[in-house]
Amino acid sequence: MSSTRRTETLVHAAAVLLAFAALAAVSWLVRAYSLSTAVATAGAVVFNVLVFGGAHLYLAARGEAGSVPVASRWRFLAFLAVAAVAALAGIAFGGAVHDALGVGVREVGVAFVAVAALAYLVVEARSGYRDAMAADR
């Protein structure tokens, strides 16, 4: 295994450990202080952001490409941020969305994240195509 790949693996492992520590802390806080389930759900959102984006944020901030180009890391983090904000907004404004639109917050959230994911895939495919065309020249 190359040094770069080993570094990426260690960074990902550290991000996952940090995510589990954050989830355990939120779980303890919810139980110890009788906090609402919304806090627990927000903790789950933070857990997923750390698991899926923690290592990418660290490596992108350091400018380390590794197996994924830095620009792709930033684009993924932007998508992840949009999905996390949508999830947190759903937690905060769930009832208001249902009252205003007449549909559940889950349906709106799934549609929003699906459109964001499709946009992310289009942008990544376009970037890959441009990189491939530049390599051919």
N, C-alpha and C. Protein backbone atom coordinates (compact mmCIF):
# COMPACT_ATOMS: atom_id res chain seq x y z
N MET A 1 0.85 -1.17 0.00
CA MET A 1 0.00 0.00 0.00
C MET A 1 0.90 1.24 0.00
N SER A 2 0.56 2.19 -0.84
CA SER A 2 1.39 3.39 -0.94
C SER A 2 1.20 4.27 0.29
N SER A 3 2.15 5.16 0.48
CA SER A 3 2.12 6.06 1.63
C SER A 3 0.89 6.98 1.59
N THR A 4 0.55 7.46 0.39
CA THR A 4 -0.60 8.35 0.25
C THR A 4 -1.88 7.61 0.61
N ARG A 5 -1.99 6.39 0.13
CA ARG A 5 -3.20 5.60 0.40
C ARG A 5 -3.31 5.26 1.89
N ARG A 6 -2.18 4.97 2.51
CA ARG A 6 -2.17 4.66 3.94
C ARG A 6 -2.60 5.89 4.74
N THR A 7 -2.12 7.07 4.34
CA THR A 7 -2.50 8.31 5.00
C THR A 7 -4.00 8.55 4.87
N GLU A 8 -4.54 8.35 3.67
CA GLU A 8 -5.98 8.52 3.47
C GLU A 8 -6.77 7.57 4.35
N THR A 9 -6.34 6.33 4.44
CA THR A 9 -7.04 5.35 5.26
C THR A 9 -7.03 5.76 6.73
N LEU A 10 -5.89 6.24 7.20
CA LEU A 10 -5.81 6.67 8.60
C LEU A 10 -6.69 7.89 8.86
N VAL A 11 -6.74 8.81 7.92
CA VAL A 11 -7.58 10.00 8.08
C VAL A 11 -9.06 9.59 8.10
N HIS A 12 -9.45 8.68 7.21
CA HIS A 12 -10.83 8.20 7.21
C HIS A 12 -11.17 7.49 8.52
N ALA A 13 -10.27 6.68 9.01
CA ALA A 13 -10.50 5.97 10.28
C ALA A 13 -10.65 6.96 11.42
N ALA A 14 -9.82 7.98 11.44
CA ALA A 14 -9.92 9.01 12.50
C ALA A 14 -11.25 9.75 12.41
N ALA A 15 -11.71 10.04 11.20
CA ALA A 15 -12.99 10.73 11.02
C ALA A 15 -14.15 9.86 11.52
N VAL A 16 -14.09 8.58 11.25
CA VAL A 16 -15.15 7.67 11.71
C VAL A 16 -15.13 7.56 13.23
N LEU A 17 -13.94 7.46 13.81
CA LEU A 17 -13.86 7.42 15.28
C LEU A 17 -14.40 8.70 15.90
N LEU A 18 -14.08 9.84 15.30
CA LEU A 18 -14.61 11.11 15.78
C LEU A 18 -16.13 11.15 15.66
N ALA A 19 -16.65 10.61 14.58
CA ALA A 19 -18.10 10.57 14.38
C ALA A 19 -18.78 9.73 15.47
N PHE A 20 -18.20 8.57 15.77
CA PHE A 20 -18.79 7.72 16.82
C PHE A 20 -18.69 8.39 18.19
N ALA A 21 -17.61 9.09 18.44
CA ALA A 21 -17.48 9.82 19.71
C ALA A 21 -18.54 10.92 19.80
N ALA A 22 -18.76 11.64 18.71
CA ALA A 22 -19.78 12.69 18.71
C ALA A 22 -21.17 12.09 18.91
N LEU A 23 -21.44 10.96 18.25
CA LEU A 23 -22.74 10.31 18.40
C LEU A 23 -22.95 9.83 19.83
N ALA A 24 -21.92 9.27 20.43
CA ALA A 24 -22.02 8.82 21.82
C ALA A 24 -22.26 10.00 22.76
N ALA A 25 -21.58 11.11 22.51
CA ALA A 25 -21.75 12.31 23.35
C ALA A 25 -23.17 12.86 23.23
N VAL A 26 -23.68 12.93 22.01
CA VAL A 26 -25.05 13.42 21.81
C VAL A 26 -26.05 12.48 22.47
N SER A 27 -25.83 11.19 22.32
CA SER A 27 -26.72 10.21 22.95
C SER A 27 -26.73 10.38 24.47
N TRP A 28 -25.56 10.55 25.04
CA TRP A 28 -25.48 10.74 26.49
C TRP A 28 -26.18 12.03 26.91
N LEU A 29 -25.96 13.11 26.17
CA LEU A 29 -26.60 14.39 26.49
C LEU A 29 -28.12 14.30 26.41
N VAL A 30 -28.62 13.60 25.39
CA VAL A 30 -30.07 13.45 25.23
C VAL A 30 -30.66 12.71 26.42
N ARG A 31 -29.98 11.64 26.85
CA ARG A 31 -30.48 10.86 27.99
C ARG A 31 -30.30 11.60 29.32
N ALA A 32 -29.13 12.19 29.51
CA ALA A 32 -28.82 12.83 30.80
C ALA A 32 -29.67 14.06 31.06
N TYR A 33 -29.99 14.80 30.01
CA TYR A 33 -30.73 16.05 30.17
C TYR A 33 -32.13 16.00 29.59
N SER A 34 -32.60 14.81 29.25
CA SER A 34 -33.95 14.62 28.71
C SER A 34 -34.23 15.57 27.54
N LEU A 35 -33.29 15.64 26.62
CA LEU A 35 -33.45 16.51 25.45
C LEU A 35 -34.39 15.84 24.44
N SER A 36 -34.90 16.62 23.51
CA SER A 36 -35.87 16.11 22.55
C SER A 36 -35.23 15.16 21.54
N THR A 37 -36.08 14.43 20.87
CA THR A 37 -35.59 13.52 19.83
C THR A 37 -35.01 14.30 18.65
N ALA A 38 -35.39 15.56 18.51
CA ALA A 38 -34.82 16.39 17.44
C ALA A 38 -33.32 16.56 17.64
N VAL A 39 -32.89 16.65 18.89
CA VAL A 39 -31.46 16.77 19.17
C VAL A 39 -30.75 15.47 18.78
N ALA A 40 -31.36 14.36 19.10
CA ALA A 40 -30.77 13.07 18.72
C ALA A 40 -30.70 12.92 17.21
N THR A 41 -31.73 13.37 16.52
CA THR A 41 -31.73 13.30 15.06
C THR A 41 -30.68 14.22 14.46
N ALA A 42 -30.54 15.41 15.02
CA ALA A 42 -29.49 16.32 14.56
C ALA A 42 -28.11 15.70 14.81
N GLY A 43 -27.95 15.00 15.93
CA GLY A 43 -26.70 14.29 16.21
C GLY A 43 -26.42 13.23 15.16
N ALA A 44 -27.47 12.56 14.71
CA ALA A 44 -27.31 11.55 13.66
C ALA A 44 -26.88 12.20 12.35
N VAL A 45 -27.39 13.40 12.06
CA VAL A 45 -26.98 14.13 10.86
C VAL A 45 -25.49 14.48 10.95
N VAL A 46 -25.08 14.97 12.10
CA VAL A 46 -23.66 15.31 12.31
C VAL A 46 -22.80 14.06 12.18
N PHE A 47 -23.26 12.94 12.72
CA PHE A 47 -22.54 11.68 12.60
C PHE A 47 -22.29 11.34 11.13
N ASN A 48 -23.35 11.42 10.33
CA ASN A 48 -23.21 11.09 8.90
C ASN A 48 -22.30 12.07 8.17
N VAL A 49 -22.38 13.35 8.52
CA VAL A 49 -21.50 14.33 7.89
C VAL A 49 -20.04 14.01 8.21
N LEU A 50 -19.78 13.67 9.46
CA LEU A 50 -18.39 13.33 9.84
C LEU A 50 -17.91 12.05 9.17
N VAL A 51 -18.77 11.04 9.10
CA VAL A 51 -18.37 9.78 8.48
C VAL A 51 -18.09 9.97 6.99
N PHE A 52 -19.00 10.64 6.30
CA PHE A 52 -18.86 10.77 4.85
C PHE A 52 -17.98 11.94 4.40
N GLY A 53 -17.87 12.98 5.23
CA GLY A 53 -17.14 14.15 4.78
C GLY A 53 -15.95 14.56 5.61
N GLY A 54 -15.78 13.98 6.79
CA GLY A 54 -14.71 14.41 7.68
C GLY A 54 -13.33 14.30 7.06
N ALA A 55 -13.03 13.15 6.50
CA ALA A 55 -11.72 12.95 5.89
C ALA A 55 -11.55 13.81 4.64
N HIS A 56 -12.62 13.94 3.87
CA HIS A 56 -12.54 14.78 2.67
C HIS A 56 -12.26 16.23 3.05
N LEU A 57 -12.89 16.71 4.11
CA LEU A 57 -12.64 18.09 4.54
C LEU A 57 -11.19 18.27 4.96
N TYR A 58 -10.68 17.36 5.75
CA TYR A 58 -9.30 17.44 6.23
C TYR A 58 -8.32 17.41 5.04
N LEU A 59 -8.51 16.45 4.15
CA LEU A 59 -7.57 16.30 3.03
C LEU A 59 -7.70 17.44 2.03
N ALA A 60 -8.92 17.92 1.79
CA ALA A 60 -9.10 19.04 0.86
C ALA A 60 -8.50 20.32 1.43
N ALA A 61 -8.68 20.54 2.73
CA ALA A 61 -8.12 21.75 3.36
C ALA A 61 -6.59 21.74 3.30
N ARG A 62 -6.00 20.56 3.37
CA ARG A 62 -4.55 20.45 3.27
C ARG A 62 -4.06 20.44 1.82
N GLY A 63 -4.99 20.33 0.87
CA GLY A 63 -4.61 20.31 -0.53
C GLY A 63 -4.06 18.98 -0.99
N GLU A 64 -4.36 17.91 -0.26
CA GLU A 64 -3.86 16.58 -0.61
C GLU A 64 -4.87 15.86 -1.48
N ALA A 65 -4.46 15.58 -2.71
CA ALA A 65 -5.37 14.93 -3.65
C ALA A 65 -5.51 13.45 -3.35
N GLY A 66 -4.40 12.73 -3.25
CA GLY A 66 -4.48 11.30 -3.02
C GLY A 66 -5.21 10.60 -4.16
N SER A 67 -6.17 9.75 -3.82
CA SER A 67 -6.91 9.01 -4.85
C SER A 67 -8.08 9.82 -5.41
N VAL A 68 -8.41 10.93 -4.78
CA VAL A 68 -9.51 11.79 -5.23
C VAL A 68 -8.96 13.21 -5.39
N PRO A 69 -9.18 13.84 -6.55
CA PRO A 69 -8.69 15.21 -6.73
C PRO A 69 -9.30 16.17 -5.70
N VAL A 70 -8.54 17.18 -5.34
CA VAL A 70 -8.99 18.14 -4.33
C VAL A 70 -10.29 18.82 -4.76
N ALA A 71 -10.38 19.19 -6.02
CA ALA A 71 -11.61 19.86 -6.50
C ALA A 71 -12.83 18.95 -6.32
N SER A 72 -12.66 17.66 -6.57
CA SER A 72 -13.76 16.71 -6.38
C SER A 72 -14.13 16.60 -4.91
N ARG A 73 -13.14 16.66 -4.04
CA ARG A 73 -13.43 16.62 -2.60
C ARG A 73 -14.29 17.82 -2.20
N TRP A 74 -13.93 19.01 -2.69
CA TRP A 74 -14.70 20.20 -2.36
C TRP A 74 -16.11 20.12 -2.91
N ARG A 75 -16.27 19.60 -4.13
CA ARG A 75 -17.62 19.45 -4.69
C ARG A 75 -18.45 18.48 -3.87
N PHE A 76 -17.85 17.38 -3.44
CA PHE A 76 -18.58 16.43 -2.60
C PHE A 76 -18.98 17.06 -1.27
N LEU A 77 -18.07 17.83 -0.69
CA LEU A 77 -18.39 18.50 0.57
C LEU A 77 -19.52 19.51 0.39
N ALA A 78 -19.57 20.18 -0.75
CA ALA A 78 -20.67 21.11 -1.01
C ALA A 78 -21.99 20.35 -1.08
N PHE A 79 -22.00 19.22 -1.78
CA PHE A 79 -23.22 18.40 -1.83
C PHE A 79 -23.61 17.91 -0.45
N LEU A 80 -22.64 17.45 0.31
CA LEU A 80 -22.91 16.96 1.66
C LEU A 80 -23.47 18.07 2.55
N ALA A 81 -22.95 19.27 2.39
CA ALA A 81 -23.45 20.41 3.17
C ALA A 81 -24.90 20.72 2.81
N VAL A 82 -25.22 20.67 1.54
CA VAL A 82 -26.60 20.91 1.10
C VAL A 82 -27.53 19.85 1.68
N ALA A 83 -27.12 18.59 1.63
CA ALA A 83 -27.95 17.52 2.18
C ALA A 83 -28.11 17.66 3.69
N ALA A 84 -27.04 18.04 4.38
CA ALA A 84 -27.10 18.20 5.84
C ALA A 84 -28.00 19.37 6.22
N VAL A 85 -27.88 20.48 5.51
CA VAL A 85 -28.73 21.64 5.79
C VAL A 85 -30.19 21.29 5.52
N ALA A 86 -30.45 20.53 4.46
CA ALA A 86 -31.82 20.10 4.17
C ALA A 86 -32.37 19.22 5.30
N ALA A 87 -31.54 18.32 5.79
CA ALA A 87 -31.97 17.44 6.89
C ALA A 87 -32.23 18.24 8.16
N LEU A 88 -31.33 19.15 8.48
CA LEU A 88 -31.51 19.97 9.69
C LEU A 88 -32.71 20.91 9.55
N ALA A 89 -32.92 21.44 8.36
CA ALA A 89 -34.10 22.29 8.14
C ALA A 89 -35.38 21.47 8.28
N GLY A 90 -35.34 20.25 7.80
CA GLY A 90 -36.49 19.37 7.96
C GLY A 90 -36.81 19.10 9.42
N ILE A 91 -35.76 18.95 10.22
CA ILE A 91 -35.95 18.74 11.66
C ILE A 91 -36.56 19.99 12.29
N ALA A 92 -36.03 21.14 11.92
CA ALA A 92 -36.46 22.40 12.54
C ALA A 92 -37.84 22.86 12.07
N PHE A 93 -38.13 22.69 10.78
CA PHE A 93 -39.34 23.26 10.21
C PHE A 93 -40.30 22.22 9.66
N GLY A 94 -40.20 20.99 10.12
CA GLY A 94 -41.02 19.90 9.59
C GLY A 94 -42.51 20.19 9.59
N GLY A 95 -43.04 20.62 10.72
CA GLY A 95 -44.47 20.90 10.81
C GLY A 95 -44.88 22.05 9.92
N ALA A 96 -44.06 23.09 9.84
CA ALA A 96 -44.38 24.25 9.01
C ALA A 96 -44.40 23.89 7.53
N VAL A 97 -43.51 22.99 7.11
CA VAL A 97 -43.48 22.57 5.71
C VAL A 97 -44.77 21.82 5.39
N HIS A 98 -45.18 20.94 6.28
CA HIS A 98 -46.40 20.18 6.05
C HIS A 98 -47.61 21.11 5.98
N ASP A 99 -47.67 22.08 6.88
CA ASP A 99 -48.79 23.02 6.88
C ASP A 99 -48.81 23.88 5.62
N ALA A 100 -47.64 24.33 5.17
CA ALA A 100 -47.56 25.23 4.03
C ALA A 100 -47.79 24.52 2.70
N LEU A 101 -47.20 23.33 2.54
CA LEU A 101 -47.24 22.64 1.24
C LEU A 101 -48.27 21.52 1.18
N GLY A 102 -48.70 21.06 2.32
CA GLY A 102 -49.66 19.96 2.33
C GLY A 102 -49.04 18.60 2.08
N VAL A 103 -47.72 18.53 2.05
CA VAL A 103 -47.02 17.25 1.92
C VAL A 103 -46.05 17.12 3.08
N GLY A 104 -45.68 15.90 3.38
CA GLY A 104 -44.78 15.66 4.50
C GLY A 104 -43.37 16.15 4.22
N VAL A 105 -42.67 16.47 5.29
CA VAL A 105 -41.30 16.95 5.17
C VAL A 105 -40.39 15.88 4.59
N ARG A 106 -40.68 14.62 4.85
CA ARG A 106 -39.85 13.54 4.31
C ARG A 106 -39.89 13.54 2.78
N GLU A 107 -41.08 13.70 2.21
CA GLU A 107 -41.19 13.70 0.75
C GLU A 107 -40.45 14.89 0.13
N VAL A 108 -40.59 16.06 0.75
CA VAL A 108 -39.89 17.24 0.26
C VAL A 108 -38.38 17.05 0.38
N GLY A 109 -37.95 16.52 1.52
CA GLY A 109 -36.52 16.30 1.75
C GLY A 109 -35.92 15.30 0.78
N VAL A 110 -36.62 14.20 0.57
CA VAL A 110 -36.11 13.18 -0.37
C VAL A 110 -36.02 13.76 -1.78
N ALA A 111 -37.03 14.50 -2.20
CA ALA A 111 -37.00 15.11 -3.53
C ALA A 111 -35.85 16.10 -3.65
N PHE A 112 -35.67 16.93 -2.62
CA PHE A 112 -34.60 17.92 -2.64
C PHE A 112 -33.23 17.25 -2.72
N VAL A 113 -32.99 16.26 -1.88
CA VAL A 113 -31.68 15.58 -1.88
C VAL A 113 -31.48 14.80 -3.18
N ALA A 114 -32.55 14.22 -3.74
CA ALA A 114 -32.43 13.51 -5.02
C ALA A 114 -32.01 14.47 -6.14
N VAL A 115 -32.61 15.66 -6.17
CA VAL A 115 -32.24 16.65 -7.19
C VAL A 115 -30.80 17.11 -6.97
N ALA A 116 -30.43 17.34 -5.71
CA ALA A 116 -29.05 17.76 -5.41
C ALA A 116 -28.06 16.67 -5.80
N ALA A 117 -28.39 15.41 -5.53
CA ALA A 117 -27.50 14.29 -5.89
C ALA A 117 -27.36 14.18 -7.40
N LEU A 118 -28.45 14.35 -8.12
CA LEU A 118 -28.38 14.31 -9.58
C LEU A 118 -27.51 15.45 -10.11
N ALA A 119 -27.68 16.63 -9.54
CA ALA A 119 -26.84 17.77 -9.96
C ALA A 119 -25.37 17.49 -9.67
N TYR A 120 -25.10 16.91 -8.51
CA TYR A 120 -23.71 16.57 -8.15
C TYR A 120 -23.13 15.57 -9.16
N LEU A 121 -23.89 14.55 -9.51
CA LEU A 121 -23.40 13.55 -10.47
C LEU A 121 -23.15 14.18 -11.84
N VAL A 122 -24.01 15.09 -12.26
CA VAL A 122 -23.82 15.76 -13.55
C VAL A 122 -22.53 16.59 -13.53
N VAL A 123 -22.32 17.34 -12.44
CA VAL A 123 -21.12 18.16 -12.32
C VAL A 123 -19.86 17.29 -12.30
N GLU A 124 -19.89 16.18 -11.56
CA GLU A 124 -18.73 15.28 -11.52
C GLU A 124 -18.47 14.62 -12.87
N ALA A 125 -19.53 14.21 -13.56
CA ALA A 125 -19.36 13.61 -14.89
C ALA A 125 -18.77 14.62 -15.87
N ARG A 126 -19.26 15.85 -15.81
CA ARG A 126 -18.74 16.90 -16.68
C ARG A 126 -17.26 17.17 -16.39
N SER A 127 -16.92 17.20 -15.13
CA SER A 127 -15.52 17.43 -14.75
C SER A 127 -14.63 16.29 -15.23
N GLY A 128 -15.11 15.07 -15.06
CA GLY A 128 -14.35 13.91 -15.53
C GLY A 128 -14.17 13.92 -17.03
N TYR A 129 -15.21 14.31 -17.74
CA TYR A 129 -15.12 14.39 -19.19
C TYR A 129 -14.10 15.44 -19.61
N ARG A 130 -14.14 16.60 -18.97
CA ARG A 130 -13.17 17.65 -19.29
C ARG A 130 -11.74 17.20 -19.00
N ASP A 131 -11.56 16.54 -17.89
CA ASP A 131 -10.21 16.03 -17.55
C ASP A 131 -9.74 15.02 -18.59
N ALA A 132 -10.64 14.14 -19.03
CA ALA A 132 -10.27 13.15 -20.03
C ALA A 132 -9.93 13.80 -21.37
N MET A 133 -10.69 14.80 -21.75
CA MET A 133 -10.43 15.48 -23.01
C MET A 133 -9.12 16.27 -22.94
N ALA A 134 -8.82 16.85 -21.78
CA ALA A 134 -7.57 17.59 -21.62
C ALA A 134 -6.38 16.65 -21.67
N ALA A 135 -6.54 15.44 -21.17
CA ALA A 135 -5.45 14.46 -21.17
C ALA A 135 -5.14 13.97 -22.59
N ASP A 136 -6.16 13.99 -23.46
CA ASP A 136 -5.98 13.52 -24.84
C ASP A 136 -5.24 14.53 -25.70
N ARG A 137 -5.19 15.76 -25.27
CA ARG A 137 -4.56 16.80 -26.10
C ARG A 137 -3.09 16.80 -26.00
